[in-house]
Amino acid sequence: MKVKNIGYKTMEPEYDLSKMKKRPNPFAKQLKKQVTISLGIDVIEYFETMAQEKGISSQELINLYLQDCVVSKRQLSMN
């Protein structure tokens, strides 16, 4: 087997990853689940503006906000 050149170092033949079997991440389904929800236009605009300021996507910002609610066990006041 030929030794591959990777920059200034060479990869040893026993570390040839090209023959490694691919397998799906067993935890991927536990990480995120795609859902469809209807949000008010004002809510979407609010999170889009905040996301632009932070340099992240609005979906990521909404997920972070909701994750913070989960961690802090925040309750909605319906008064």
Protein backbone atom coordinates (compact mmCIF):
# COMPACT_ATOMS: atom_id res chain seq x y z
CA MET A 1 0.00 0.00 0.00
CA LYS A 2 1.26 3.46 -0.88
CA VAL A 3 1.87 5.98 1.91
CA LYS A 4 -0.19 9.14 1.38
CA ASN A 5 1.44 12.54 1.65
CA ILE A 6 -0.61 14.96 3.79
CA GLY A 7 1.28 18.22 3.93
CA TYR A 8 4.71 17.83 5.46
CA LYS A 9 3.82 14.51 7.12
CA THR A 10 2.97 11.17 5.59
CA MET A 11 0.05 9.01 6.65
CA GLU A 12 1.01 5.53 7.71
CA PRO A 13 -0.71 2.74 5.74
CA GLU A 14 -2.41 1.36 8.85
CA TYR A 15 -4.26 4.69 9.21
CA ASP A 16 -5.79 4.60 5.72
CA LEU A 17 -9.29 5.95 6.38
CA SER A 18 -10.49 5.54 2.79
CA LYS A 19 -11.43 1.93 3.55
CA MET A 20 -13.34 2.81 6.69
CA LYS A 21 -17.01 1.83 6.61
CA LYS A 22 -19.42 4.75 6.85
CA ARG A 23 -22.18 4.56 9.41
CA PRO A 24 -24.86 7.03 10.43
CA ASN A 25 -24.61 8.92 13.70
CA PRO A 26 -26.74 6.89 16.15
CA PHE A 27 -27.47 10.01 18.19
CA ALA A 28 -28.54 12.26 15.30
CA LYS A 29 -32.26 11.71 15.86
CA GLN A 30 -31.87 12.63 19.51
CA LEU A 31 -30.16 15.93 18.70
CA LYS A 32 -32.82 17.69 16.64
CA LYS A 33 -36.18 16.97 15.08
CA GLN A 34 -37.63 18.96 12.22
CA VAL A 35 -41.04 20.48 12.95
CA THR A 36 -43.28 23.02 11.28
CA ILE A 37 -44.82 25.74 13.44
CA SER A 38 -46.72 28.90 12.62
CA LEU A 39 -45.27 32.04 14.17
CA GLY A 40 -46.55 35.58 14.11
CA ILE A 41 -44.88 37.93 11.64
CA ASP A 42 -43.79 40.18 14.51
CA VAL A 43 -42.13 37.21 16.26
CA ILE A 44 -40.30 36.19 13.08
CA GLU A 45 -39.11 39.75 12.44
CA TYR A 46 -37.95 40.10 16.05
CA PHE A 47 -35.85 36.94 15.94
CA GLU A 48 -34.53 37.69 12.44
CA THR A 49 -33.32 41.12 13.62
CA MET A 50 -31.71 39.68 16.75
CA ALA A 51 -30.12 36.87 14.74
CA GLN A 52 -28.59 39.33 12.27
CA GLU A 53 -27.11 41.30 15.17
CA LYS A 54 -25.63 38.12 16.64
CA GLY A 55 -24.46 36.74 13.30
CA ILE A 56 -26.43 33.49 13.49
CA SER A 57 -29.53 32.13 11.78
CA SER A 58 -32.96 32.94 13.19
CA GLN A 59 -33.70 29.19 13.52
CA GLU A 60 -30.56 28.76 15.61
CA LEU A 61 -31.48 31.75 17.78
CA ILE A 62 -35.04 30.49 18.35
CA ASN A 63 -33.66 27.05 19.24
CA LEU A 64 -31.19 28.62 21.70
CA TYR A 65 -33.97 30.68 23.28
CA LEU A 66 -36.28 27.68 23.65
CA GLN A 67 -33.40 25.56 24.97
CA ASP A 68 -32.80 28.24 27.63
CA CYS A 69 -36.49 27.96 28.58
CA VAL A 70 -36.09 24.18 28.97
CA VAL A 71 -32.92 24.43 31.05
CA SER A 72 -34.28 27.15 33.34
CA LYS A 73 -37.72 25.48 33.49
CA ARG A 74 -39.27 28.81 32.58
CA GLN A 75 -43.07 28.88 32.96
CA LEU A 76 -45.37 31.03 30.85
CA SER A 77 -47.58 33.36 32.84
CA MET A 78 -51.11 33.28 31.41
CA ASN A 79 -52.44 36.17 33.53
